[in-house]
Amino acid sequence: MVESALVGHLLDPRSPLNIESLLDAVTALLIDCKIPSLMRIKSIDSFITRCKFKISCSLYNTFVTA
């Protein structure tokens, strides 16, 4: 029940929790964290390293299939 409601919110383009909004938020967070002084913080550097490849691949796939 809860899972189907979450999926419904993620797939509904009018929902504030839709998948595109979440991807935009994570992408904005990634860009904001790329400040050199913040990159010295190990947890932020680790976040950028883990997410950069996944987000760039996701954006690439979005542009290629559009």
PDB file of N, CA and C in Angstrom:
ATOM      1  N   MET A   1       0.831  -1.200   0.000  1.00  0.00           N
ATOM      2  CA  MET A   1       0.000   0.000   0.000  1.00  0.00           C
ATOM      3  C   MET A   1       0.870   1.256   0.000  1.00  0.00           C
ATOM      4  N   VAL A   2       1.810   1.323   0.934  1.00  0.00           N
ATOM      5  CA  VAL A   2       2.674   2.495   1.020  1.00  0.00           C
ATOM      6  C   VAL A   2       3.571   2.586  -0.209  1.00  0.00           C
ATOM      7  N   GLU A   3       4.069   1.445  -0.668  1.00  0.00           N
ATOM      8  CA  GLU A   3       4.954   1.426  -1.836  1.00  0.00           C
ATOM      9  C   GLU A   3       4.229   1.920  -3.084  1.00  0.00           C
ATOM     10  N   SER A   4       2.993   1.502  -3.273  1.00  0.00           N
ATOM     11  CA  SER A   4       2.258   1.938  -4.462  1.00  0.00           C
ATOM     12  C   SER A   4       1.943   3.434  -4.398  1.00  0.00           C
ATOM     13  N   ALA A   5       1.713   3.962  -3.193  1.00  0.00           N
ATOM     14  CA  ALA A   5       1.475   5.400  -3.054  1.00  0.00           C
ATOM     15  C   ALA A   5       2.741   6.179  -3.399  1.00  0.00           C
ATOM     16  N   LEU A   6       3.897   5.671  -2.964  1.00  0.00           N
ATOM     17  CA  LEU A   6       5.165   6.323  -3.275  1.00  0.00           C
ATOM     18  C   LEU A   6       5.434   6.300  -4.778  1.00  0.00           C
ATOM     19  N   VAL A   7       5.202   5.159  -5.392  1.00  0.00           N
ATOM     20  CA  VAL A   7       5.389   5.044  -6.844  1.00  0.00           C
ATOM     21  C   VAL A   7       4.446   6.007  -7.563  1.00  0.00           C
ATOM     22  N   GLY A   8       3.232   6.123  -7.064  1.00  0.00           N
ATOM     23  CA  GLY A   8       2.277   7.055  -7.662  1.00  0.00           C
ATOM     24  C   GLY A   8       2.770   8.492  -7.601  1.00  0.00           C
ATOM     25  N   HIS A   9       3.345   8.888  -6.463  1.00  0.00           N
ATOM     26  CA  HIS A   9       3.890  10.242  -6.328  1.00  0.00           C
ATOM     27  C   HIS A   9       5.099  10.445  -7.240  1.00  0.00           C
ATOM     28  N   LEU A  10       5.949   9.433  -7.344  1.00  0.00           N
ATOM     29  CA  LEU A  10       7.145   9.555  -8.179  1.00  0.00           C
ATOM     30  C   LEU A  10       6.804   9.677  -9.661  1.00  0.00           C
ATOM     31  N   LEU A  11       5.755   9.013 -10.085  1.00  0.00           N
ATOM     32  CA  LEU A  11       5.398   9.006 -11.503  1.00  0.00           C
ATOM     33  C   LEU A  11       4.407  10.099 -11.898  1.00  0.00           C
ATOM     34  N   ASP A  12       3.779  10.741 -10.916  1.00  0.00           N
ATOM     35  CA  ASP A  12       2.804  11.800 -11.200  1.00  0.00           C
ATOM     36  C   ASP A  12       3.544  13.112 -11.496  1.00  0.00           C
ATOM     37  N   PRO A  13       3.453  13.636 -12.712  1.00  0.00           N
ATOM     38  CA  PRO A  13       4.192  14.863 -13.045  1.00  0.00           C
ATOM     39  C   PRO A  13       3.730  16.092 -12.265  1.00  0.00           C
ATOM     40  N   ARG A  14       2.539  16.054 -11.678  1.00  0.00           N
ATOM     41  CA  ARG A  14       2.043  17.185 -10.890  1.00  0.00           C
ATOM     42  C   ARG A  14       2.450  17.111  -9.428  1.00  0.00           C
ATOM     43  N   SER A  15       3.016  15.985  -9.008  1.00  0.00           N
ATOM     44  CA  SER A  15       3.419  15.805  -7.617  1.00  0.00           C
ATOM     45  C   SER A  15       4.746  16.512  -7.349  1.00  0.00           C
ATOM     46  N   PRO A  16       4.880  17.146  -6.173  1.00  0.00           N
ATOM     47  CA  PRO A  16       6.174  17.764  -5.847  1.00  0.00           C
ATOM     48  C   PRO A  16       7.277  16.725  -5.626  1.00  0.00           C
ATOM     49  N   LEU A  17       6.911  15.467  -5.480  1.00  0.00           N
ATOM     50  CA  LEU A  17       7.891  14.398  -5.278  1.00  0.00           C
ATOM     51  C   LEU A  17       8.157  13.600  -6.543  1.00  0.00           C
ATOM     52  N   ASN A  18       7.828  14.139  -7.699  1.00  0.00           N
ATOM     53  CA  ASN A  18       8.033  13.347  -8.917  1.00  0.00           C
ATOM     54  C   ASN A  18       9.519  13.137  -9.179  1.00  0.00           C
ATOM     55  N   ILE A  19       9.818  12.152  -9.975  1.00  0.00           N
ATOM     56  CA  ILE A  19      11.193  11.711 -10.188  1.00  0.00           C
ATOM     57  C   ILE A  19      12.058  12.810 -10.810  1.00  0.00           C
ATOM     58  N   GLU A  20      11.494  13.614 -11.685  1.00  0.00           N
ATOM     59  CA  GLU A  20      12.266  14.697 -12.310  1.00  0.00           C
ATOM     60  C   GLU A  20      12.651  15.758 -11.283  1.00  0.00           C
ATOM     61  N   SER A  21      11.740  16.075 -10.366  1.00  0.00           N
ATOM     62  CA  SER A  21      12.047  17.055  -9.320  1.00  0.00           C
ATOM     63  C   SER A  21      13.147  16.549  -8.405  1.00  0.00           C
ATOM     64  N   LEU A  22      13.095  15.271  -8.057  1.00  0.00           N
ATOM     65  CA  LEU A  22      14.132  14.701  -7.198  1.00  0.00           C
ATOM     66  C   LEU A  22      15.482  14.685  -7.900  1.00  0.00           C
ATOM     67  N   LEU A  23      15.503  14.351  -9.170  1.00  0.00           N
ATOM     68  CA  LEU A  23      16.753  14.365  -9.929  1.00  0.00           C
ATOM     69  C   LEU A  23      17.303  15.788 -10.027  1.00  0.00           C
ATOM     70  N   ASP A  24      16.441  16.765 -10.255  1.00  0.00           N
ATOM     71  CA  ASP A  24      16.879  18.163 -10.302  1.00  0.00           C
ATOM     72  C   ASP A  24      17.472  18.603  -8.969  1.00  0.00           C
ATOM     73  N   ALA A  25      16.847  18.193  -7.860  1.00  0.00           N
ATOM     74  CA  ALA A  25      17.336  18.571  -6.534  1.00  0.00           C
ATOM     75  C   ALA A  25      18.705  17.967  -6.251  1.00  0.00           C
ATOM     76  N   VAL A  26      18.892  16.702  -6.581  1.00  0.00           N
ATOM     77  CA  VAL A  26      20.188  16.056  -6.345  1.00  0.00           C
ATOM     78  C   VAL A  26      21.250  16.660  -7.258  1.00  0.00           C
ATOM     79  N   THR A  27      20.899  16.970  -8.489  1.00  0.00           N
ATOM     80  CA  THR A  27      21.846  17.601  -9.411  1.00  0.00           C
ATOM     81  C   THR A  27      22.255  18.979  -8.897  1.00  0.00           C
ATOM     82  N   ALA A  28      21.307  19.761  -8.412  1.00  0.00           N
ATOM     83  CA  ALA A  28      21.615  21.081  -7.856  1.00  0.00           C
ATOM     84  C   ALA A  28      22.502  20.955  -6.625  1.00  0.00           C
ATOM     85  N   LEU A  29      22.226  19.972  -5.781  1.00  0.00           N
ATOM     86  CA  LEU A  29      23.057  19.740  -4.599  1.00  0.00           C
ATOM     87  C   LEU A  29      24.477  19.383  -5.013  1.00  0.00           C
ATOM     88  N   LEU A  30      24.610  18.545  -6.011  1.00  0.00           N
ATOM     89  CA  LEU A  30      25.930  18.154  -6.507  1.00  0.00           C
ATOM     90  C   LEU A  30      26.692  19.371  -7.030  1.00  0.00           C
ATOM     91  N   ILE A  31      26.033  20.214  -7.780  1.00  0.00           N
ATOM     92  CA  ILE A  31      26.683  21.415  -8.322  1.00  0.00           C
ATOM     93  C   ILE A  31      27.078  22.366  -7.196  1.00  0.00           C
ATOM     94  N   ASP A  32      26.207  22.543  -6.201  1.00  0.00           N
ATOM     95  CA  ASP A  32      26.507  23.430  -5.077  1.00  0.00           C
ATOM     96  C   ASP A  32      27.669  22.918  -4.230  1.00  0.00           C
ATOM     97  N   CYS A  33      27.862  21.613  -4.188  1.00  0.00           N
ATOM     98  CA  CYS A  33      28.933  21.027  -3.369  1.00  0.00           C
ATOM     99  C   CYS A  33      30.288  21.058  -4.069  1.00  0.00           C
ATOM    100  N   LYS A  34      30.345  21.482  -5.311  1.00  0.00           N
ATOM    101  CA  LYS A  34      31.606  21.476  -6.053  1.00  0.00           C
ATOM    102  C   LYS A  34      32.481  22.697  -5.765  1.00  0.00           C
ATOM    103  N   ILE A  35      32.180  23.445  -4.737  1.00  0.00           N
ATOM    104  CA  ILE A  35      33.005  24.578  -4.325  1.00  0.00           C
ATOM    105  C   ILE A  35      34.299  24.015  -3.740  1.00  0.00           C
ATOM    106  N   PRO A  36      35.463  24.520  -4.171  1.00  0.00           N
ATOM    107  CA  PRO A  36      36.735  23.938  -3.724  1.00  0.00           C
ATOM    108  C   PRO A  36      36.887  23.824  -2.206  1.00  0.00           C
ATOM    109  N   SER A  37      36.430  24.823  -1.462  1.00  0.00           N
ATOM    110  CA  SER A  37      36.572  24.738  -0.005  1.00  0.00           C
ATOM    111  C   SER A  37      35.701  23.623   0.580  1.00  0.00           C
ATOM    112  N   LEU A  38      34.564  23.346  -0.046  1.00  0.00           N
ATOM    113  CA  LEU A  38      33.713  22.250   0.423  1.00  0.00           C
ATOM    114  C   LEU A  38      34.254  20.895  -0.001  1.00  0.00           C
ATOM    115  N   MET A  39      34.963  20.864  -1.126  1.00  0.00           N
ATOM    116  CA  MET A  39      35.517  19.596  -1.615  1.00  0.00           C
ATOM    117  C   MET A  39      36.569  19.026  -0.665  1.00  0.00           C
ATOM    118  N   ARG A  40      37.127  19.862   0.198  1.00  0.00           N
ATOM    119  CA  ARG A  40      38.119  19.378   1.164  1.00  0.00           C
ATOM    120  C   ARG A  40      37.482  18.554   2.275  1.00  0.00           C
ATOM    121  N   ILE A  41      36.186  18.679   2.457  1.00  0.00           N
ATOM    122  CA  ILE A  41      35.477  17.896   3.474  1.00  0.00           C
ATOM    123  C   ILE A  41      35.257  16.502   2.903  1.00  0.00           C
ATOM    124  N   LYS A  42      35.743  15.507   3.641  1.00  0.00           N
ATOM    125  CA  LYS A  42      35.767  14.143   3.113  1.00  0.00           C
ATOM    126  C   LYS A  42      34.373  13.626   2.741  1.00  0.00           C
ATOM    127  N   SER A  43      33.371  13.890   3.563  1.00  0.00           N
ATOM    128  CA  SER A  43      32.030  13.370   3.272  1.00  0.00           C
ATOM    129  C   SER A  43      31.441  14.010   2.011  1.00  0.00           C
ATOM    130  N   ILE A  44      31.715  15.285   1.788  1.00  0.00           N
ATOM    131  CA  ILE A  44      31.216  15.951   0.582  1.00  0.00           C
ATOM    132  C   ILE A  44      31.949  15.432  -0.647  1.00  0.00           C
ATOM    133  N   ASP A  45      33.266  15.272  -0.536  1.00  0.00           N
ATOM    134  CA  ASP A  45      34.041  14.727  -1.648  1.00  0.00           C
ATOM    135  C   ASP A  45      33.565  13.320  -1.999  1.00  0.00           C
ATOM    136  N   SER A  46      33.274  12.523  -0.982  1.00  0.00           N
ATOM    137  CA  SER A  46      32.778  11.163  -1.208  1.00  0.00           C
ATOM    138  C   SER A  46      31.413  11.188  -1.898  1.00  0.00           C
ATOM    139  N   PHE A  47      30.533  12.094  -1.465  1.00  0.00           N
ATOM    140  CA  PHE A  47      29.211  12.227  -2.081  1.00  0.00           C
ATOM    141  C   PHE A  47      29.341  12.582  -3.560  1.00  0.00           C
ATOM    142  N   ILE A  48      30.199  13.541  -3.855  1.00  0.00           N
ATOM    143  CA  ILE A  48      30.378  13.966  -5.244  1.00  0.00           C
ATOM    144  C   ILE A  48      30.932  12.831  -6.085  1.00  0.00           C
ATOM    145  N   THR A  49      31.905  12.121  -5.539  1.00  0.00           N
ATOM    146  CA  THR A  49      32.506  11.012  -6.276  1.00  0.00           C
ATOM    147  C   THR A  49      31.482   9.926  -6.579  1.00  0.00           C
ATOM    148  N   ARG A  50      30.635   9.587  -5.606  1.00  0.00           N
ATOM    149  CA  ARG A  50      29.637   8.533  -5.807  1.00  0.00           C
ATOM    150  C   ARG A  50      28.529   8.963  -6.751  1.00  0.00           C
ATOM    151  N   CYS A  51      28.105  10.204  -6.668  1.00  0.00           N
ATOM    152  CA  CYS A  51      26.924  10.644  -7.416  1.00  0.00           C
ATOM    153  C   CYS A  51      27.229  11.208  -8.793  1.00  0.00           C
ATOM    154  N   LYS A  52      28.419  11.732  -8.994  1.00  0.00           N
ATOM    155  CA  LYS A  52      28.713  12.413 -10.255  1.00  0.00           C
ATOM    156  C   LYS A  52      28.521  11.496 -11.458  1.00  0.00           C
ATOM    157  N   PHE A  53      29.046  10.301 -11.390  1.00  0.00           N
ATOM    158  CA  PHE A  53      28.938   9.382 -12.519  1.00  0.00           C
ATOM    159  C   PHE A  53      27.483   8.993 -12.764  1.00  0.00           C
ATOM    160  N   LYS A  54      26.750   8.689 -11.705  1.00  0.00           N
ATOM    161  CA  LYS A  54      25.357   8.264 -11.859  1.00  0.00           C
ATOM    162  C   LYS A  54      24.498   9.377 -12.439  1.00  0.00           C
ATOM    163  N   ILE A  55      24.693  10.594 -11.966  1.00  0.00           N
ATOM    164  CA  ILE A  55      23.887  11.709 -12.450  1.00  0.00           C
ATOM    165  C   ILE A  55      24.257  12.046 -13.886  1.00  0.00           C
ATOM    166  N   SER A  56      25.544  12.058 -14.204  1.00  0.00           N
ATOM    167  CA  SER A  56      25.930  12.393 -15.580  1.00  0.00           C
ATOM    168  C   SER A  56      25.427  11.333 -16.552  1.00  0.00           C
ATOM    169  N   CYS A  57      25.440  10.063 -16.154  1.00  0.00           N
ATOM    170  CA  CYS A  57      24.905   9.006 -17.018  1.00  0.00           C
ATOM    171  C   CYS A  57      23.402   9.159 -17.175  1.00  0.00           C
ATOM    172  N   SER A  58      22.723   9.500 -16.098  1.00  0.00           N
ATOM    173  CA  SER A  58      21.275   9.677 -16.155  1.00  0.00           C
ATOM    174  C   SER A  58      20.918  10.842 -17.070  1.00  0.00           C
ATOM    175  N   LEU A  59      21.631  11.954 -16.944  1.00  0.00           N
ATOM    176  CA  LEU A  59      21.365  13.103 -17.802  1.00  0.00           C
ATOM    177  C   LEU A  59      21.702  12.784 -19.248  1.00  0.00           C
ATOM    178  N   TYR A  60      22.785  12.054 -19.464  1.00  0.00           N
ATOM    179  CA  TYR A  60      23.163  11.667 -20.826  1.00  0.00           C
ATOM    180  C   TYR A  60      22.067  10.811 -21.447  1.00  0.00           C
ATOM    181  N   ASN A  61      21.560   9.836 -20.691  1.00  0.00           N
ATOM    182  CA  ASN A  61      20.502   8.967 -21.212  1.00  0.00           C
ATOM    183  C   ASN A  61      19.232   9.757 -21.493  1.00  0.00           C
ATOM    184  N   THR A  62      18.947  10.764 -20.683  1.00  0.00           N
ATOM    185  CA  THR A  62      17.763  11.589 -20.895  1.00  0.00           C
ATOM    186  C   THR A  62      17.877  12.357 -22.208  1.00  0.00           C
ATOM    187  N   PHE A  63      19.060  12.946 -22.467  1.00  0.00           N
ATOM    188  CA  PHE A  63      19.239  13.721 -23.687  1.00  0.00           C
ATOM    189  C   PHE A  63      19.291  12.835 -24.923  1.00  0.00           C
ATOM    190  N   VAL A  64      19.873  11.667 -24.799  1.00  0.00           N
ATOM    191  CA  VAL A  64      20.002  10.773 -25.950  1.00  0.00           C
ATOM    192  C   VAL A  64      18.644  10.230 -26.362  1.00  0.00           C
ATOM    193  N   THR A  65      17.794   9.889 -25.388  1.00  0.00           N
ATOM    194  CA  THR A  65      16.502   9.289 -25.707  1.00  0.00           C
ATOM    195  C   THR A  65      15.439  10.328 -26.030  1.00  0.00           C
ATOM    196  N   ALA A  66      15.709  11.607 -25.743  1.00  0.00           N
ATOM    197  CA  ALA A  66      14.696  12.643 -25.983  1.00  0.00           C
ATOM    198  C   ALA A  66      14.578  12.978 -27.448  1.00  0.00           C
TER     199      ALA A  66
END
